[in-house]
């Protein structure tokens, strides 16, 4: 290992250092220290709470984190209302977004498959799963959402009322296997509902 000599006391030290640890400490204490002015150590104060802080810091850690949190809330509010964000430029919603593909986000579902249509189907079915009989209030407690509207013929573009039926999440996922059986069963249930 290569060695250098300390520039102050001429003792052997590691070649990467310029001073030995004792001389380094003495160099940082007293008049050689950058914070030492006129016989006093000058420490900066936080402009918000007046705590003593490091000379290169702008504010204390707690005030910095509070300010960062406030700025993030302001940024979220600006994003929510579509206001220009000074950090990221103009918001790009809808046609202004480079990933816009003409409003096809609902695909493969038809645009007629709206929340109003789903509500009317659930109302027609008395807010009950037409397979297992689970009530929508129970479904909200167990799954945290309202009953699903299932397409009987599995064509998601066909949104006629006689093609939609209310099912719970479990029955809706079960209906994806053995489709011909479930299609016939649900068509019979829709015929019974229409009578």
C-alpha atoms as a PDB file:
ATOM      1  CA  UNK A   1       0.000   0.000   0.000  1.00  0.00           C
ATOM      2  CA  UNK A   2       1.310   3.447  -0.900  1.00  0.00           C
ATOM      3  CA  UNK A   3       1.702   6.102   1.779  1.00  0.00           C
ATOM      4  CA  UNK A   4       1.834   9.871   1.790  1.00  0.00           C
ATOM      5  CA  UNK A   5       2.961  12.215   4.503  1.00  0.00           C
ATOM      6  CA  UNK A   6       0.576  14.569   6.361  1.00  0.00           C
ATOM      7  CA  UNK A   7       1.028  18.120   5.059  1.00  0.00           C
ATOM      8  CA  UNK A   8       0.918  19.506   8.634  1.00  0.00           C
ATOM      9  CA  UNK A   9       2.829  17.043  10.872  1.00  0.00           C
ATOM     10  CA  UNK A  10       4.670  14.907   8.240  1.00  0.00           C
ATOM     11  CA  UNK A  11       3.445  11.537   9.616  1.00  0.00           C
ATOM     12  CA  UNK A  12       2.788   8.616   7.240  1.00  0.00           C
ATOM     13  CA  UNK A  13      -0.864   8.333   6.140  1.00  0.00           C
ATOM     14  CA  UNK A  14      -2.932   6.590   3.476  1.00  0.00           C
ATOM     15  CA  UNK A  15      -2.055   7.959   0.017  1.00  0.00           C
ATOM     16  CA  UNK A  16      -5.598   9.236  -0.629  1.00  0.00           C
ATOM     17  CA  UNK A  17      -5.612  11.630   2.349  1.00  0.00           C
ATOM     18  CA  UNK A  18      -3.722  14.904   2.661  1.00  0.00           C
ATOM     19  CA  UNK A  19      -3.821  15.158   6.486  1.00  0.00           C
ATOM     20  CA  UNK A  20      -3.730  12.657   9.346  1.00  0.00           C
ATOM     21  CA  UNK A  21      -6.949  12.346  11.401  1.00  0.00           C
ATOM     22  CA  UNK A  22      -5.635  14.552  14.239  1.00  0.00           C
ATOM     23  CA  UNK A  23      -4.535  17.357  11.896  1.00  0.00           C
ATOM     24  CA  UNK A  24      -7.758  17.029   9.905  1.00  0.00           C
ATOM     25  CA  UNK A  25      -9.789  17.595  13.101  1.00  0.00           C
ATOM     26  CA  UNK A  26      -7.636  20.549  14.097  1.00  0.00           C
ATOM     27  CA  UNK A  27      -7.958  22.013  10.594  1.00  0.00           C
ATOM     28  CA  UNK A  28     -11.776  21.898  10.840  1.00  0.00           C
ATOM     29  CA  UNK A  29     -11.834  23.522  14.308  1.00  0.00           C
ATOM     30  CA  UNK A  30     -11.291  27.187  14.937  1.00  0.00           C
ATOM     31  CA  UNK A  31     -10.358  29.813  12.359  1.00  0.00           C
ATOM     32  CA  UNK A  32      -9.905  27.277   9.568  1.00  0.00           C
ATOM     33  CA  UNK A  33     -13.558  26.234   9.745  1.00  0.00           C
ATOM     34  CA  UNK A  34     -15.793  27.875   7.101  1.00  0.00           C
ATOM     35  CA  UNK A  35     -18.503  28.594   9.706  1.00  0.00           C
ATOM     36  CA  UNK A  36     -16.107  30.413  12.044  1.00  0.00           C
ATOM     37  CA  UNK A  37     -16.670  34.186  11.767  1.00  0.00           C
ATOM     38  CA  UNK A  38     -15.341  36.781  14.202  1.00  0.00           C
ATOM     39  CA  UNK A  39     -14.763  34.341  17.052  1.00  0.00           C
ATOM     40  CA  UNK A  40     -18.195  32.620  16.674  1.00  0.00           C
ATOM     41  CA  UNK A  41     -19.527  29.681  14.724  1.00  0.00           C
ATOM     42  CA  UNK A  42     -22.282  30.936  12.438  1.00  0.00           C
ATOM     43  CA  UNK A  43     -25.191  28.530  11.952  1.00  0.00           C
ATOM     44  CA  UNK A  44     -28.059  29.346   9.640  1.00  0.00           C
ATOM     45  CA  UNK A  45     -31.630  29.488  10.838  1.00  0.00           C
ATOM     46  CA  UNK A  46     -34.655  27.909   9.234  1.00  0.00           C
ATOM     47  CA  UNK A  47     -36.800  30.729   7.770  1.00  0.00           C
ATOM     48  CA  UNK A  48     -40.000  28.970   8.889  1.00  0.00           C
ATOM     49  CA  UNK A  49     -39.301  27.823  12.461  1.00  0.00           C
ATOM     50  CA  UNK A  50     -35.955  29.540  13.350  1.00  0.00           C
ATOM     51  CA  UNK A  51     -34.199  26.275  14.247  1.00  0.00           C
ATOM     52  CA  UNK A  52     -30.440  26.170  13.760  1.00  0.00           C
ATOM     53  CA  UNK A  53     -29.569  24.363  10.540  1.00  0.00           C
ATOM     54  CA  UNK A  54     -26.523  23.428   8.518  1.00  0.00           C
ATOM     55  CA  UNK A  55     -25.008  26.391   6.664  1.00  0.00           C
ATOM     56  CA  UNK A  56     -25.725  24.887   3.260  1.00  0.00           C
ATOM     57  CA  UNK A  57     -29.328  23.921   4.089  1.00  0.00           C
ATOM     58  CA  UNK A  58     -32.254  26.143   3.101  1.00  0.00           C
ATOM     59  CA  UNK A  59     -34.623  24.934   5.850  1.00  0.00           C
ATOM     60  CA  UNK A  60     -34.803  22.276   8.586  1.00  0.00           C
ATOM     61  CA  UNK A  61     -35.859  18.732   7.705  1.00  0.00           C
ATOM     62  CA  UNK A  62     -39.307  18.958   9.257  1.00  0.00           C
ATOM     63  CA  UNK A  63     -40.152  22.202   7.434  1.00  0.00           C
ATOM     64  CA  UNK A  64     -38.742  20.811   4.182  1.00  0.00           C
ATOM     65  CA  UNK A  65     -40.938  17.716   4.404  1.00  0.00           C
ATOM     66  CA  UNK A  66     -44.019  19.822   5.282  1.00  0.00           C
ATOM     67  CA  UNK A  67     -43.369  22.096   2.315  1.00  0.00           C
ATOM     68  CA  UNK A  68     -42.875  19.127   0.018  1.00  0.00           C
ATOM     69  CA  UNK A  69     -46.166  17.621   1.214  1.00  0.00           C
ATOM     70  CA  UNK A  70     -48.037  20.907   0.672  1.00  0.00           C
ATOM     71  CA  UNK A  71     -46.610  21.228  -2.839  1.00  0.00           C
ATOM     72  CA  UNK A  72     -47.656  17.674  -3.694  1.00  0.00           C
ATOM     73  CA  UNK A  73     -51.243  18.395  -2.529  1.00  0.00           C
ATOM     74  CA  UNK A  74     -51.314  21.580  -4.621  1.00  0.00           C
ATOM     75  CA  UNK A  75     -50.007  19.629  -7.596  1.00  0.00           C
ATOM     76  CA  UNK A  76     -52.716  16.986  -7.182  1.00  0.00           C
ATOM     77  CA  UNK A  77     -55.406  19.667  -7.011  1.00  0.00           C
ATOM     78  CA  UNK A  78     -54.045  21.323 -10.139  1.00  0.00           C
ATOM     79  CA  UNK A  79     -53.988  17.981 -11.943  1.00  0.00           C
ATOM     80  CA  UNK A  80     -57.552  17.255 -10.853  1.00  0.00           C
ATOM     81  CA  UNK A  81     -58.897  20.463 -12.373  1.00  0.00           C
ATOM     82  CA  UNK A  82     -56.719  20.410 -15.497  1.00  0.00           C
ATOM     83  CA  UNK A  83     -54.656  23.474 -14.588  1.00  0.00           C
ATOM     84  CA  UNK A  84     -51.259  23.798 -16.207  1.00  0.00           C
ATOM     85  CA  UNK A  85     -48.546  22.183 -14.151  1.00  0.00           C
ATOM     86  CA  UNK A  86     -45.377  24.322 -13.978  1.00  0.00           C
ATOM     87  CA  UNK A  87     -43.269  21.202 -13.512  1.00  0.00           C
ATOM     88  CA  UNK A  88     -44.583  19.158 -16.423  1.00  0.00           C
ATOM     89  CA  UNK A  89     -46.043  21.665 -18.883  1.00  0.00           C
ATOM     90  CA  UNK A  90     -49.538  21.546 -20.344  1.00  0.00           C
ATOM     91  CA  UNK A  91     -51.738  18.661 -19.268  1.00  0.00           C
ATOM     92  CA  UNK A  92     -52.705  16.397 -22.084  1.00  0.00           C
ATOM     93  CA  UNK A  93     -56.229  15.105 -21.730  1.00  0.00           C
ATOM     94  CA  UNK A  94     -58.362  13.585 -24.452  1.00  0.00           C
ATOM     95  CA  UNK A  95     -57.342  14.684 -27.949  1.00  0.00           C
ATOM     96  CA  UNK A  96     -54.246  16.478 -26.603  1.00  0.00           C
ATOM     97  CA  UNK A  97     -52.723  13.248 -25.273  1.00  0.00           C
ATOM     98  CA  UNK A  98     -50.293  11.561 -27.699  1.00  0.00           C
ATOM     99  CA  UNK A  99     -51.739   8.146 -26.733  1.00  0.00           C
ATOM    100  CA  UNK A 100     -55.307   9.171 -27.672  1.00  0.00           C
ATOM    101  CA  UNK A 101     -56.913   6.592 -29.965  1.00  0.00           C
ATOM    102  CA  UNK A 102     -60.287   8.162 -30.600  1.00  0.00           C
ATOM    103  CA  UNK A 103     -62.039   7.242 -27.331  1.00  0.00           C
ATOM    104  CA  UNK A 104     -61.817   3.453 -27.618  1.00  0.00           C
ATOM    105  CA  UNK A 105     -61.074   2.948 -23.908  1.00  0.00           C
ATOM    106  CA  UNK A 106     -64.383   1.117 -23.344  1.00  0.00           C
ATOM    107  CA  UNK A 107     -63.628  -1.553 -25.921  1.00  0.00           C
ATOM    108  CA  UNK A 108     -64.565  -4.402 -26.182  1.00  0.00           C
ATOM    109  CA  UNK A 109     -67.767  -3.074 -24.562  1.00  0.00           C
ATOM    110  CA  UNK A 110     -70.224  -0.961 -26.525  1.00  0.00           C
ATOM    111  CA  UNK A 111     -70.640   2.713 -25.717  1.00  0.00           C
ATOM    112  CA  UNK A 112     -74.289   2.017 -24.785  1.00  0.00           C
ATOM    113  CA  UNK A 113     -73.065  -0.113 -21.842  1.00  0.00           C
ATOM    114  CA  UNK A 114     -73.285   2.772 -19.366  1.00  0.00           C
ATOM    115  CA  UNK A 115     -73.797   2.932 -15.619  1.00  0.00           C
ATOM    116  CA  UNK A 116     -77.430   3.969 -16.209  1.00  0.00           C
ATOM    117  CA  UNK A 117     -78.078   0.823 -18.258  1.00  0.00           C
ATOM    118  CA  UNK A 118     -76.428  -1.360 -15.607  1.00  0.00           C
ATOM    119  CA  UNK A 119     -78.536   0.292 -12.904  1.00  0.00           C
ATOM    120  CA  UNK A 120     -81.740  -0.357 -14.875  1.00  0.00           C
ATOM    121  CA  UNK A 121     -80.773  -4.044 -15.296  1.00  0.00           C
ATOM    122  CA  UNK A 122     -80.073  -4.424 -11.572  1.00  0.00           C
ATOM    123  CA  UNK A 123     -83.377  -2.690 -10.777  1.00  0.00           C
ATOM    124  CA  UNK A 124     -85.232  -5.016 -13.166  1.00  0.00           C
ATOM    125  CA  UNK A 125     -83.649  -7.990 -11.358  1.00  0.00           C
ATOM    126  CA  UNK A 126     -84.621  -6.544  -7.912  1.00  0.00           C
ATOM    127  CA  UNK A 127     -80.919  -6.086  -7.022  1.00  0.00           C
ATOM    128  CA  UNK A 128     -80.486  -9.844  -6.630  1.00  0.00           C
ATOM    129  CA  UNK A 129     -77.965 -12.163  -8.274  1.00  0.00           C
ATOM    130  CA  UNK A 130     -80.054 -14.277 -10.662  1.00  0.00           C
ATOM    131  CA  UNK A 131     -77.924 -17.366 -10.085  1.00  0.00           C
ATOM    132  CA  UNK A 132     -77.167 -17.681  -6.355  1.00  0.00           C
ATOM    133  CA  UNK A 133     -79.659 -15.154  -4.942  1.00  0.00           C
ATOM    134  CA  UNK A 134     -77.145 -12.829  -3.250  1.00  0.00           C
ATOM    135  CA  UNK A 135     -78.649  -9.427  -2.486  1.00  0.00           C
ATOM    136  CA  UNK A 136     -76.761  -6.309  -3.627  1.00  0.00           C
ATOM    137  CA  UNK A 137     -76.392  -5.033  -0.029  1.00  0.00           C
ATOM    138  CA  UNK A 138     -74.627  -8.272   0.911  1.00  0.00           C
ATOM    139  CA  UNK A 139     -72.555  -8.057  -2.277  1.00  0.00           C
ATOM    140  CA  UNK A 140     -71.428  -4.555  -1.302  1.00  0.00           C
ATOM    141  CA  UNK A 141     -70.303  -5.822   2.113  1.00  0.00           C
ATOM    142  CA  UNK A 142     -68.522  -8.932   0.805  1.00  0.00           C
ATOM    143  CA  UNK A 143     -66.994  -7.629  -2.450  1.00  0.00           C
ATOM    144  CA  UNK A 144     -67.130  -3.844  -2.005  1.00  0.00           C
ATOM    145  CA  UNK A 145     -69.030  -3.171  -5.243  1.00  0.00           C
ATOM    146  CA  UNK A 146     -72.463  -3.479  -6.824  1.00  0.00           C
ATOM    147  CA  UNK A 147     -73.675  -6.527  -8.757  1.00  0.00           C
ATOM    148  CA  UNK A 148     -72.228  -7.141 -12.223  1.00  0.00           C
ATOM    149  CA  UNK A 149     -74.195  -7.090 -15.461  1.00  0.00           C
ATOM    150  CA  UNK A 150     -73.447 -10.205 -17.491  1.00  0.00           C
ATOM    151  CA  UNK A 151     -73.877 -10.511 -21.279  1.00  0.00           C
ATOM    152  CA  UNK A 152     -75.803 -13.734 -21.797  1.00  0.00           C
ATOM    153  CA  UNK A 153     -74.609 -14.430 -25.344  1.00  0.00           C
ATOM    154  CA  UNK A 154     -71.037 -13.254 -24.471  1.00  0.00           C
ATOM    155  CA  UNK A 155     -71.201 -10.580 -27.191  1.00  0.00           C
ATOM    156  CA  UNK A 156     -70.169  -7.424 -25.371  1.00  0.00           C
ATOM    157  CA  UNK A 157     -71.447  -5.231 -28.212  1.00  0.00           C
ATOM    158  CA  UNK A 158     -75.017  -6.530 -27.732  1.00  0.00           C
ATOM    159  CA  UNK A 159     -76.457  -4.365 -24.925  1.00  0.00           C
ATOM    160  CA  UNK A 160     -80.148  -5.170 -25.304  1.00  0.00           C
ATOM    161  CA  UNK A 161     -82.000  -5.668 -22.049  1.00  0.00           C
ATOM    162  CA  UNK A 162     -82.871  -9.282 -22.871  1.00  0.00           C
ATOM    163  CA  UNK A 163     -79.133 -10.021 -23.244  1.00  0.00           C
ATOM    164  CA  UNK A 164     -78.127  -8.641 -19.824  1.00  0.00           C
ATOM    165  CA  UNK A 165     -78.589 -10.208 -16.400  1.00  0.00           C
ATOM    166  CA  UNK A 166     -77.448  -9.282 -12.859  1.00  0.00           C
ATOM    167  CA  UNK A 167     -74.869 -11.610 -11.309  1.00  0.00           C
ATOM    168  CA  UNK A 168     -72.490 -11.511  -8.366  1.00  0.00           C
ATOM    169  CA  UNK A 169     -68.755 -11.538  -9.040  1.00  0.00           C
ATOM    170  CA  UNK A 170     -68.457 -15.237  -8.230  1.00  0.00           C
ATOM    171  CA  UNK A 171     -71.297 -16.304 -10.538  1.00  0.00           C
ATOM    172  CA  UNK A 172     -70.101 -13.963 -13.282  1.00  0.00           C
ATOM    173  CA  UNK A 173     -66.632 -15.522 -13.285  1.00  0.00           C
ATOM    174  CA  UNK A 174     -68.123 -19.036 -13.079  1.00  0.00           C
ATOM    175  CA  UNK A 175     -70.196 -18.308 -16.194  1.00  0.00           C
ATOM    176  CA  UNK A 176     -67.052 -18.104 -18.339  1.00  0.00           C
ATOM    177  CA  UNK A 177     -66.617 -21.899 -18.272  1.00  0.00           C
ATOM    178  CA  UNK A 178     -69.131 -24.198 -20.009  1.00  0.00           C
ATOM    179  CA  UNK A 179     -70.668 -21.235 -21.805  1.00  0.00           C
ATOM    180  CA  UNK A 180     -73.437 -23.087 -23.647  1.00  0.00           C
ATOM    181  CA  UNK A 181     -74.906 -24.343 -20.333  1.00  0.00           C
ATOM    182  CA  UNK A 182     -74.920 -20.876 -18.743  1.00  0.00           C
ATOM    183  CA  UNK A 183     -76.251 -19.230 -21.909  1.00  0.00           C
ATOM    184  CA  UNK A 184     -79.296 -21.547 -21.964  1.00  0.00           C
ATOM    185  CA  UNK A 185     -79.881 -21.209 -18.205  1.00  0.00           C
ATOM    186  CA  UNK A 186     -79.778 -17.408 -18.222  1.00  0.00           C
ATOM    187  CA  UNK A 187     -82.012 -17.146 -21.303  1.00  0.00           C
ATOM    188  CA  UNK A 188     -84.641 -19.166 -19.445  1.00  0.00           C
ATOM    189  CA  UNK A 189     -84.305 -16.897 -16.395  1.00  0.00           C
ATOM    190  CA  UNK A 190     -84.745 -13.785 -18.575  1.00  0.00           C
ATOM    191  CA  UNK A 191     -87.911 -15.306 -20.099  1.00  0.00           C
ATOM    192  CA  UNK A 192     -89.254 -15.864 -16.569  1.00  0.00           C
ATOM    193  CA  UNK A 193     -88.419 -12.275 -15.581  1.00  0.00           C
ATOM    194  CA  UNK A 194     -90.214 -10.843 -18.617  1.00  0.00           C
ATOM    195  CA  UNK A 195     -93.466 -12.691 -17.873  1.00  0.00           C
END
